[in-house]
Amino acid sequence: MEFLSLPVLFIALFILIIHSIETLAYAVRLSGARVKLIASGLSLFNMMVIVSRMSNMMQQPFTGGLTDAAPEGRKLEVVEEQFRVLIGASTLGTLLGIVLLPTFVALFSRGIIHLSEQGGSVPRLIKLGFKNDLYKRGINHFAKPGRRYLTGINFKAIPKRLFFINMIITAVYTIGVLSALYAALIVPDRSGSATMASGLINGIATILLTLFIDPKISVLADDVANGKGNYQELKGLSIMMVISRLFGTLLAQLIFIPGSYYIAWMTQFFV
C-alpha cells in the first residue's frame, strides 16, 4: 500500500487541519455579529485565513516530494492514489470543521470579547487564556451539532447560485497544487511551467472567493450587528457555505485528473 506511506499520512493530517481552520473561519463572522463586534471579529478572521493560507504553502514542498519519491514506471499510478488520499483528507477536515462549528461560534464569541478588552493584542489574549485557565472553561462550550442548531433557518431563502459558486471555487482551490504537480508528471519536459501554475490557480480561486463570497457574508454580518438583519439568516448562509465547501472537496475528486491534463495542455503556451 504505497499510497498510505508515512509521508502521505503526515501531509494528509496537515491538510485536514488546514481545511478545518478554513471551515471554522466562517464561525468568526457569526461570532462577530453575535456579540456586535464586527471589526474585532474581522481581525480574528483574517488571522485564521492567513494561518491557513501559510500552512497550505508550507505543505507544498512535502507534497512535491511525493512525486520525486514515486517509483519509476509507476509514477502516475502511485501519485494519483496518494493525491486522492490527500483530497480525501480535505473532505474529512471540512467535515470536522462543520461538526465543530457550533462549539467554535461560542468560543470565538468569548475570544472576540476578550480580544476587544485586551486592546486587539492577540499575544495578550493567548497569555490571558493560559493565565486564567480560560482554555479549560472553553470545554464547557462544546456543543453537538443537531437539528436544534438549525431551528429557525429558512434554507430556501439562501441563494443557490452562491452555493454552487463556492462549491466550484473550493474544488479548484483544493486541487490547485495537486493537479499542477500531477501535470508535471504528464509533461516532464515542461514540468517547471506546470508546477508553477499552482500559484496562479490558487491565486485566482482566492480572488474569486473575495469577489463573490466574502462580500455577501460580510454585508449580512454588518446588518446583523447593526440590528438591520436577521442572525438566523446569517447562520443559515454560513452553514450552507460550509456545506458547499464539503461538496467542493468531493467535486475535487472528479476534476482532479481532468484539471491536471488541462494544466499540462496549457503549459505549451508558456514556453
C-alpha atoms as a PDB file:
ATOM      1  CA  MET A   1       0.000   0.000   0.000  1.00  0.00           C
ATOM      2  CA  GLU A   2       2.411   2.634  -1.282  1.00  0.00           C
ATOM      3  CA  PHE A   3      -0.259   5.318  -1.291  1.00  0.00           C
ATOM      4  CA  LEU A   4      -0.563   5.074   2.529  1.00  0.00           C
ATOM      5  CA  SER A   5       3.061   5.692   3.427  1.00  0.00           C
ATOM      6  CA  LEU A   6       4.063   7.715   6.498  1.00  0.00           C
ATOM      7  CA  PRO A   7       4.782  10.902   4.476  1.00  0.00           C
ATOM      8  CA  VAL A   8       1.329  10.665   2.848  1.00  0.00           C
ATOM      9  CA  LEU A   9      -0.376  10.295   6.240  1.00  0.00           C
ATOM     10  CA  PHE A  10       1.634  13.220   7.639  1.00  0.00           C
ATOM     11  CA  ILE A  11       0.653  15.501   4.747  1.00  0.00           C
ATOM     12  CA  ALA A  12      -2.948  14.258   4.937  1.00  0.00           C
ATOM     13  CA  LEU A  13      -3.093  15.245   8.626  1.00  0.00           C
ATOM     14  CA  PHE A  14      -1.663  18.651   7.756  1.00  0.00           C
ATOM     15  CA  ILE A  15      -4.268  19.180   5.018  1.00  0.00           C
ATOM     16  CA  LEU A  16      -7.043  18.011   7.363  1.00  0.00           C
ATOM     17  CA  ILE A  17      -6.049  20.701   9.863  1.00  0.00           C
ATOM     18  CA  ILE A  18      -5.827  23.376   7.124  1.00  0.00           C
ATOM     19  CA  HIS A  19      -9.329  22.684   5.831  1.00  0.00           C
ATOM     20  CA  SER A  20     -10.718  22.514   9.376  1.00  0.00           C
ATOM     21  CA  ILE A  21      -9.333  26.001  10.061  1.00  0.00           C
ATOM     22  CA  GLU A  22     -10.710  27.385   6.792  1.00  0.00           C
ATOM     23  CA  THR A  23     -14.134  25.932   7.545  1.00  0.00           C
ATOM     24  CA  LEU A  24     -14.137  27.277  11.101  1.00  0.00           C
ATOM     25  CA  ALA A  25     -13.281  30.740   9.766  1.00  0.00           C
ATOM     26  CA  TYR A  26     -16.985  31.019   8.900  1.00  0.00           C
ATOM     27  CA  ALA A  27     -17.716  30.789  12.627  1.00  0.00           C
ATOM     28  CA  VAL A  28     -15.785  34.001  13.250  1.00  0.00           C
ATOM     29  CA  ARG A  29     -18.217  36.169  11.282  1.00  0.00           C
ATOM     30  CA  LEU A  30     -21.119  34.539  13.093  1.00  0.00           C
ATOM     31  CA  SER A  31     -19.436  35.256  16.423  1.00  0.00           C
ATOM     32  CA  GLY A  32     -18.621  38.864  15.483  1.00  0.00           C
ATOM     33  CA  ALA A  33     -22.241  39.528  14.515  1.00  0.00           C
ATOM     34  CA  ARG A  34     -23.463  37.718  17.628  1.00  0.00           C
ATOM     35  CA  VAL A  35     -21.506  39.950  20.036  1.00  0.00           C
ATOM     36  CA  LYS A  36     -21.774  43.009  17.730  1.00  0.00           C
ATOM     37  CA  LEU A  37     -18.007  43.395  17.392  1.00  0.00           C
ATOM     38  CA  ILE A  38     -17.570  43.026  13.630  1.00  0.00           C
ATOM     39  CA  ALA A  39     -14.185  44.775  13.367  1.00  0.00           C
ATOM     40  CA  SER A  40     -12.638  42.629  16.116  1.00  0.00           C
ATOM     41  CA  GLY A  41     -14.170  39.537  14.549  1.00  0.00           C
ATOM     42  CA  LEU A  42     -12.754  40.521  11.151  1.00  0.00           C
ATOM     43  CA  SER A  43      -9.228  40.779  12.584  1.00  0.00           C
ATOM     44  CA  LEU A  44      -9.572  37.273  14.042  1.00  0.00           C
ATOM     45  CA  PHE A  45     -11.000  36.023  10.720  1.00  0.00           C
ATOM     46  CA  ASN A  46      -8.063  37.500   8.784  1.00  0.00           C
ATOM     47  CA  MET A  47      -5.622  35.881  11.188  1.00  0.00           C
ATOM     48  CA  MET A  48      -7.196  32.456  10.649  1.00  0.00           C
ATOM     49  CA  VAL A  49      -7.188  32.886   6.863  1.00  0.00           C
ATOM     50  CA  ILE A  50      -3.527  33.929   6.865  1.00  0.00           C
ATOM     51  CA  VAL A  51      -2.613  30.917   9.026  1.00  0.00           C
ATOM     52  CA  SER A  52      -4.477  28.515   6.708  1.00  0.00           C
ATOM     53  CA  ARG A  53      -3.005  30.059   3.534  1.00  0.00           C
ATOM     54  CA  MET A  54       0.518  29.985   5.017  1.00  0.00           C
ATOM     55  CA  SER A  55       0.031  26.386   6.131  1.00  0.00           C
ATOM     56  CA  ASN A  56      -1.114  25.484   2.626  1.00  0.00           C
ATOM     57  CA  MET A  57       2.108  26.960   1.215  1.00  0.00           C
ATOM     58  CA  MET A  58       4.188  25.083   3.804  1.00  0.00           C
ATOM     59  CA  GLN A  59       2.798  21.684   2.796  1.00  0.00           C
ATOM     60  CA  GLN A  60       3.545  22.210  -0.917  1.00  0.00           C
ATOM     61  CA  PRO A  61       7.245  21.184  -0.776  1.00  0.00           C
ATOM     62  CA  PHE A  62       6.324  17.997   1.118  1.00  0.00           C
ATOM     63  CA  THR A  63       3.598  17.199  -1.418  1.00  0.00           C
ATOM     64  CA  GLY A  64       6.080  17.759  -4.229  1.00  0.00           C
ATOM     65  CA  GLY A  65       8.400  15.302  -2.511  1.00  0.00           C
ATOM     66  CA  LEU A  66       5.834  12.566  -3.078  1.00  0.00           C
ATOM     67  CA  THR A  67       6.219  12.916  -6.851  1.00  0.00           C
ATOM     68  CA  ASP A  68      10.006  12.705  -6.523  1.00  0.00           C
ATOM     69  CA  ALA A  69       9.836   9.589  -4.339  1.00  0.00           C
ATOM     70  CA  ALA A  70       7.305   7.726  -6.502  1.00  0.00           C
ATOM     71  CA  PRO A  71       8.786   4.619  -8.206  1.00  0.00           C
ATOM     72  CA  GLU A  72       9.849   4.975 -11.829  1.00  0.00           C
ATOM     73  CA  GLY A  73       7.493   3.344 -14.294  1.00  0.00           C
ATOM     74  CA  ARG A  74       4.532   3.659 -11.936  1.00  0.00           C
ATOM     75  CA  LYS A  75       4.742   7.336 -11.010  1.00  0.00           C
ATOM     76  CA  LEU A  76       1.381   8.381 -12.442  1.00  0.00           C
ATOM     77  CA  GLU A  77      -0.490   5.482 -10.843  1.00  0.00           C
ATOM     78  CA  VAL A  78       1.087   5.796  -7.391  1.00  0.00           C
ATOM     79  CA  VAL A  79       0.940   9.607  -7.266  1.00  0.00           C
ATOM     80  CA  GLU A  80      -2.723   9.622  -8.311  1.00  0.00           C
ATOM     81  CA  GLU A  81      -3.601   7.262  -5.455  1.00  0.00           C
ATOM     82  CA  GLN A  82      -1.595   9.343  -2.975  1.00  0.00           C
ATOM     83  CA  PHE A  83      -3.130  12.618  -4.112  1.00  0.00           C
ATOM     84  CA  ARG A  84      -6.642  11.180  -3.880  1.00  0.00           C
ATOM     85  CA  VAL A  85      -5.903  10.347  -0.237  1.00  0.00           C
ATOM     86  CA  LEU A  86      -4.886  13.986   0.284  1.00  0.00           C
ATOM     87  CA  ILE A  87      -8.081  15.241  -1.366  1.00  0.00           C
ATOM     88  CA  GLY A  88      -9.991  12.862   0.923  1.00  0.00           C
ATOM     89  CA  ALA A  89      -8.204  14.474   3.884  1.00  0.00           C
ATOM     90  CA  SER A  90      -9.542  17.863   2.781  1.00  0.00           C
ATOM     91  CA  THR A  91     -13.066  16.394   2.869  1.00  0.00           C
ATOM     92  CA  LEU A  92     -12.531  14.988   6.366  1.00  0.00           C
ATOM     93  CA  GLY A  93     -11.078  18.301   7.531  1.00  0.00           C
ATOM     94  CA  THR A  94     -14.077  20.212   6.206  1.00  0.00           C
ATOM     95  CA  LEU A  95     -16.444  17.712   7.830  1.00  0.00           C
ATOM     96  CA  LEU A  96     -14.605  18.109  11.145  1.00  0.00           C
ATOM     97  CA  GLY A  97     -14.959  21.881  10.846  1.00  0.00           C
ATOM     98  CA  ILE A  98     -18.716  21.526  10.256  1.00  0.00           C
ATOM     99  CA  VAL A  99     -19.098  19.308  13.325  1.00  0.00           C
ATOM    100  CA  LEU A 100     -17.170  21.808  15.480  1.00  0.00           C
ATOM    101  CA  LEU A 101     -18.892  24.898  14.051  1.00  0.00           C
ATOM    102  CA  PRO A 102     -21.464  25.396  16.882  1.00  0.00           C
ATOM    103  CA  THR A 103     -18.749  24.957  19.504  1.00  0.00           C
ATOM    104  CA  PHE A 104     -16.383  27.439  17.884  1.00  0.00           C
ATOM    105  CA  VAL A 105     -19.117  30.041  17.392  1.00  0.00           C
ATOM    106  CA  ALA A 106     -19.419  30.097  21.194  1.00  0.00           C
ATOM    107  CA  LEU A 107     -15.637  30.022  21.725  1.00  0.00           C
ATOM    108  CA  PHE A 108     -14.942  32.756  19.183  1.00  0.00           C
ATOM    109  CA  SER A 109     -17.680  34.912  20.710  1.00  0.00           C
ATOM    110  CA  ARG A 110     -15.831  34.843  24.029  1.00  0.00           C
ATOM    111  CA  GLY A 111     -12.491  35.227  22.267  1.00  0.00           C
ATOM    112  CA  ILE A 112     -13.622  38.332  20.347  1.00  0.00           C
ATOM    113  CA  ILE A 113     -14.880  39.959  23.559  1.00  0.00           C
ATOM    114  CA  HIS A 114     -11.577  39.254  25.328  1.00  0.00           C
ATOM    115  CA  LEU A 115      -9.649  40.431  22.247  1.00  0.00           C
ATOM    116  CA  SER A 116     -11.502  43.749  22.409  1.00  0.00           C
ATOM    117  CA  GLU A 117     -10.781  44.029  26.146  1.00  0.00           C
ATOM    118  CA  GLN A 118      -7.077  43.369  25.515  1.00  0.00           C
ATOM    119  CA  GLY A 119      -6.812  46.232  23.041  1.00  0.00           C
ATOM    120  CA  GLY A 120      -6.664  43.947  19.990  1.00  0.00           C
ATOM    121  CA  SER A 121      -3.465  42.206  21.097  1.00  0.00           C
ATOM    122  CA  VAL A 122      -3.523  38.524  20.143  1.00  0.00           C
ATOM    123  CA  PRO A 123      -0.394  37.646  22.209  1.00  0.00           C
ATOM    124  CA  ARG A 124      -2.002  39.222  25.289  1.00  0.00           C
ATOM    125  CA  LEU A 125      -5.195  37.279  24.569  1.00  0.00           C
ATOM    126  CA  ILE A 126      -3.257  33.996  24.407  1.00  0.00           C
ATOM    127  CA  LYS A 127      -1.400  34.887  27.619  1.00  0.00           C
ATOM    128  CA  LEU A 128      -4.698  35.713  29.337  1.00  0.00           C
ATOM    129  CA  GLY A 129      -6.153  32.373  28.255  1.00  0.00           C
ATOM    130  CA  PHE A 130      -3.378  30.371  29.918  1.00  0.00           C
ATOM    131  CA  LYS A 131      -3.161  32.653  32.953  1.00  0.00           C
ATOM    132  CA  ASN A 132      -6.870  32.471  33.822  1.00  0.00           C
ATOM    133  CA  ASP A 133      -7.422  28.894  32.625  1.00  0.00           C
ATOM    134  CA  LEU A 134      -9.925  30.155  30.055  1.00  0.00           C
ATOM    135  CA  TYR A 135      -8.973  27.255  27.792  1.00  0.00           C
ATOM    136  CA  LYS A 136     -10.314  24.847  30.452  1.00  0.00           C
ATOM    137  CA  ARG A 137     -13.588  26.716  30.682  1.00  0.00           C
ATOM    138  CA  GLY A 138     -13.844  26.536  26.909  1.00  0.00           C
ATOM    139  CA  ILE A 139     -14.635  22.816  27.236  1.00  0.00           C
ATOM    140  CA  ASN A 140     -17.995  23.818  28.722  1.00  0.00           C
ATOM    141  CA  HIS A 141     -18.886  25.476  25.400  1.00  0.00           C
ATOM    142  CA  PHE A 142     -18.730  22.196  23.485  1.00  0.00           C
ATOM    143  CA  ALA A 143     -21.977  21.735  21.592  1.00  0.00           C
ATOM    144  CA  LYS A 144     -23.081  18.797  19.500  1.00  0.00           C
ATOM    145  CA  PRO A 145     -24.426  19.751  16.073  1.00  0.00           C
ATOM    146  CA  GLY A 146     -28.041  18.733  15.716  1.00  0.00           C
ATOM    147  CA  ARG A 147     -31.466  19.704  14.457  1.00  0.00           C
ATOM    148  CA  ARG A 148     -31.896  22.215  17.271  1.00  0.00           C
ATOM    149  CA  TYR A 149     -28.996  24.232  15.862  1.00  0.00           C
ATOM    150  CA  LEU A 150     -30.845  24.502  12.531  1.00  0.00           C
ATOM    151  CA  THR A 151     -34.120  25.707  14.094  1.00  0.00           C
ATOM    152  CA  GLY A 152     -35.450  28.911  12.561  1.00  0.00           C
ATOM    153  CA  ILE A 153     -33.270  28.761   9.433  1.00  0.00           C
ATOM    154  CA  ASN A 154     -35.004  29.129   6.073  1.00  0.00           C
ATOM    155  CA  PHE A 155     -32.639  27.392   3.655  1.00  0.00           C
ATOM    156  CA  LYS A 156     -34.952  28.099   0.706  1.00  0.00           C
ATOM    157  CA  ALA A 157     -34.171  31.817   1.016  1.00  0.00           C
ATOM    158  CA  ILE A 158     -30.425  31.218   0.607  1.00  0.00           C
ATOM    159  CA  PRO A 159     -29.162  31.969  -2.932  1.00  0.00           C
ATOM    160  CA  LYS A 160     -28.417  28.658  -4.691  1.00  0.00           C
ATOM    161  CA  ARG A 161     -26.088  30.381  -7.122  1.00  0.00           C
ATOM    162  CA  LEU A 162     -23.814  31.386  -4.237  1.00  0.00           C
ATOM    163  CA  PHE A 163     -23.798  27.766  -3.051  1.00  0.00           C
ATOM    164  CA  PHE A 164     -22.618  26.406  -6.413  1.00  0.00           C
ATOM    165  CA  ILE A 165     -20.058  29.176  -6.973  1.00  0.00           C
ATOM    166  CA  ASN A 166     -18.497  28.465  -3.579  1.00  0.00           C
ATOM    167  CA  MET A 167     -18.522  24.717  -4.308  1.00  0.00           C
ATOM    168  CA  ILE A 168     -16.695  25.151  -7.634  1.00  0.00           C
ATOM    169  CA  ILE A 169     -14.139  27.602  -6.224  1.00  0.00           C
ATOM    170  CA  THR A 170     -13.455  25.256  -3.302  1.00  0.00           C
ATOM    171  CA  ALA A 171     -12.937  22.336  -5.707  1.00  0.00           C
ATOM    172  CA  VAL A 172     -10.445  24.339  -7.772  1.00  0.00           C
ATOM    173  CA  TYR A 173      -8.593  25.549  -4.671  1.00  0.00           C
ATOM    174  CA  THR A 174      -8.453  22.001  -3.258  1.00  0.00           C
ATOM    175  CA  ILE A 175      -6.752  20.519  -6.340  1.00  0.00           C
ATOM    176  CA  GLY A 176      -4.705  23.555  -7.409  1.00  0.00           C
ATOM    177  CA  VAL A 177      -1.361  22.300  -6.116  1.00  0.00           C
ATOM    178  CA  LEU A 178      -2.081  18.605  -6.665  1.00  0.00           C
ATOM    179  CA  SER A 179      -3.205  18.953 -10.289  1.00  0.00           C
ATOM    180  CA  ALA A 180      -0.196  21.139 -11.087  1.00  0.00           C
ATOM    181  CA  LEU A 181       2.223  18.557  -9.636  1.00  0.00           C
ATOM    182  CA  TYR A 182       0.462  15.720 -11.453  1.00  0.00           C
ATOM    183  CA  ALA A 183       0.563  17.726 -14.698  1.00  0.00           C
ATOM    184  CA  ALA A 184       4.339  17.995 -14.255  1.00  0.00           C
ATOM    185  CA  LEU A 185       4.494  14.182 -14.440  1.00  0.00           C
ATOM    186  CA  ILE A 186       2.315  14.126 -17.552  1.00  0.00           C
ATOM    187  CA  VAL A 187       4.595  16.576 -19.405  1.00  0.00           C
ATOM    188  CA  PRO A 188       8.036  16.107 -17.792  1.00  0.00           C
ATOM    189  CA  ASP A 189       9.671  18.311 -20.427  1.00  0.00           C
ATOM    190  CA  ARG A 190       7.521  21.228 -19.173  1.00  0.00           C
ATOM    191  CA  SER A 191       7.437  20.230 -15.502  1.00  0.00           C
ATOM    192  CA  GLY A 192       8.650  23.618 -14.267  1.00  0.00           C
ATOM    193  CA  SER A 193       5.837  25.503 -16.020  1.00  0.00           C
ATOM    194  CA  ALA A 194       3.242  23.003 -14.791  1.00  0.00           C
ATOM    195  CA  THR A 195       4.402  23.146 -11.168  1.00  0.00           C
ATOM    196  CA  MET A 196       4.454  26.948 -11.043  1.00  0.00           C
ATOM    197  CA  ALA A 197       0.862  27.038 -12.350  1.00  0.00           C
ATOM    198  CA  SER A 198      -0.351  26.068  -8.866  1.00  0.00           C
ATOM    199  CA  GLY A 199       0.262  29.569  -7.547  1.00  0.00           C
ATOM    200  CA  LEU A 200      -1.762  31.067 -10.396  1.00  0.00           C
ATOM    201  CA  ILE A 201      -4.668  28.653  -9.849  1.00  0.00           C
ATOM    202  CA  ASN A 202      -4.859  29.202  -6.088  1.00  0.00           C
ATOM    203  CA  GLY A 203      -4.468  32.947  -6.579  1.00  0.00           C
ATOM    204  CA  ILE A 204      -7.411  33.069  -8.982  1.00  0.00           C
ATOM    205  CA  ALA A 205      -9.519  30.920  -6.625  1.00  0.00           C
ATOM    206  CA  THR A 206      -8.727  33.269  -3.715  1.00  0.00           C
ATOM    207  CA  ILE A 207      -9.662  36.333  -5.798  1.00  0.00           C
ATOM    208  CA  LEU A 208     -12.958  34.722  -6.827  1.00  0.00           C
ATOM    209  CA  LEU A 209     -13.757  33.985  -3.169  1.00  0.00           C
ATOM    210  CA  THR A 210     -13.029  37.613  -2.316  1.00  0.00           C
ATOM    211  CA  LEU A 211     -15.193  38.903  -5.173  1.00  0.00           C
ATOM    212  CA  PHE A 212     -18.243  36.629  -4.966  1.00  0.00           C
ATOM    213  CA  ILE A 213     -18.465  35.035  -1.497  1.00  0.00           C
ATOM    214  CA  ASP A 214     -16.897  37.217   1.202  1.00  0.00           C
ATOM    215  CA  PRO A 215     -18.761  40.499   0.420  1.00  0.00           C
ATOM    216  CA  LYS A 216     -22.201  38.874   0.680  1.00  0.00           C
ATOM    217  CA  ILE A 217     -21.493  37.323   4.084  1.00  0.00           C
ATOM    218  CA  SER A 218     -19.713  40.450   5.375  1.00  0.00           C
ATOM    219  CA  VAL A 219     -22.605  42.751   4.449  1.00  0.00           C
ATOM    220  CA  LEU A 220     -25.112  40.432   6.096  1.00  0.00           C
ATOM    221  CA  ALA A 221     -22.921  40.252   9.234  1.00  0.00           C
ATOM    222  CA  ASP A 222     -22.793  44.068   9.362  1.00  0.00           C
ATOM    223  CA  ASP A 223     -26.598  44.241   9.067  1.00  0.00           C
ATOM    224  CA  VAL A 224     -26.992  41.781  11.938  1.00  0.00           C
ATOM    225  CA  ALA A 225     -24.574  43.735  14.135  1.00  0.00           C
ATOM    226  CA  ASN A 226     -26.404  46.997  13.341  1.00  0.00           C
ATOM    227  CA  GLY A 227     -29.806  45.488  14.086  1.00  0.00           C
ATOM    228  CA  LYS A 228     -30.942  45.625  10.446  1.00  0.00           C
ATOM    229  CA  GLY A 229     -30.508  41.931   9.647  1.00  0.00           C
ATOM    230  CA  ASN A 230     -31.557  38.542  10.933  1.00  0.00           C
ATOM    231  CA  TYR A 231     -28.966  36.426  12.765  1.00  0.00           C
ATOM    232  CA  GLN A 232     -30.748  33.231  11.702  1.00  0.00           C
ATOM    233  CA  GLU A 233     -30.355  34.247   8.058  1.00  0.00           C
ATOM    234  CA  LEU A 234     -26.620  34.826   8.567  1.00  0.00           C
ATOM    235  CA  LYS A 235     -26.289  31.483  10.347  1.00  0.00           C
ATOM    236  CA  GLY A 236     -28.194  29.727   7.581  1.00  0.00           C
ATOM    237  CA  LEU A 237     -25.981  31.270   4.911  1.00  0.00           C
ATOM    238  CA  SER A 238     -22.816  30.334   6.823  1.00  0.00           C
ATOM    239  CA  ILE A 239     -23.979  26.732   7.270  1.00  0.00           C
ATOM    240  CA  MET A 240     -24.821  26.474   3.575  1.00  0.00           C
ATOM    241  CA  MET A 241     -21.391  27.842   2.688  1.00  0.00           C
ATOM    242  CA  VAL A 242     -19.560  25.242   4.788  1.00  0.00           C
ATOM    243  CA  ILE A 243     -21.746  22.507   3.287  1.00  0.00           C
ATOM    244  CA  SER A 244     -20.896  23.800  -0.183  1.00  0.00           C
ATOM    245  CA  ARG A 245     -17.239  23.617   0.828  1.00  0.00           C
ATOM    246  CA  LEU A 246     -17.778  19.958   1.714  1.00  0.00           C
ATOM    247  CA  PHE A 247     -19.347  19.257  -1.685  1.00  0.00           C
ATOM    248  CA  GLY A 248     -16.498  21.206  -3.275  1.00  0.00           C
ATOM    249  CA  THR A 249     -13.912  18.827  -1.826  1.00  0.00           C
ATOM    250  CA  LEU A 250     -15.941  15.894  -3.180  1.00  0.00           C
ATOM    251  CA  LEU A 251     -16.132  17.559  -6.595  1.00  0.00           C
ATOM    252  CA  ALA A 252     -12.352  17.934  -6.441  1.00  0.00           C
ATOM    253  CA  GLN A 253     -12.037  14.141  -6.717  1.00  0.00           C
ATOM    254  CA  LEU A 254     -13.869  14.273 -10.056  1.00  0.00           C
ATOM    255  CA  ILE A 255     -11.970  17.175 -11.627  1.00  0.00           C
ATOM    256  CA  PHE A 256      -8.502  16.276 -10.308  1.00  0.00           C
ATOM    257  CA  ILE A 257      -7.335  14.320 -13.376  1.00  0.00           C
ATOM    258  CA  PRO A 258      -9.139  16.484 -15.999  1.00  0.00           C
ATOM    259  CA  GLY A 259      -7.663  19.548 -14.293  1.00  0.00           C
ATOM    260  CA  SER A 260      -4.188  18.029 -14.477  1.00  0.00           C
ATOM    261  CA  TYR A 261      -4.477  17.382 -18.210  1.00  0.00           C
ATOM    262  CA  TYR A 262      -5.822  20.880 -18.750  1.00  0.00           C
ATOM    263  CA  ILE A 263      -2.805  22.363 -16.949  1.00  0.00           C
ATOM    264  CA  ALA A 264      -0.493  20.085 -18.966  1.00  0.00           C
ATOM    265  CA  TRP A 265      -2.125  21.340 -22.171  1.00  0.00           C
ATOM    266  CA  MET A 266      -1.853  24.977 -21.074  1.00  0.00           C
ATOM    267  CA  THR A 267       1.896  24.717 -20.406  1.00  0.00           C
ATOM    268  CA  GLN A 268       2.619  24.572 -24.135  1.00  0.00           C
ATOM    269  CA  PHE A 269       1.718  28.270 -24.302  1.00  0.00           C
ATOM    270  CA  PHE A 270       4.221  29.163 -21.575  1.00  0.00           C
ATOM    271  CA  VAL A 271       7.331  28.028 -23.453  1.00  0.00           C
END
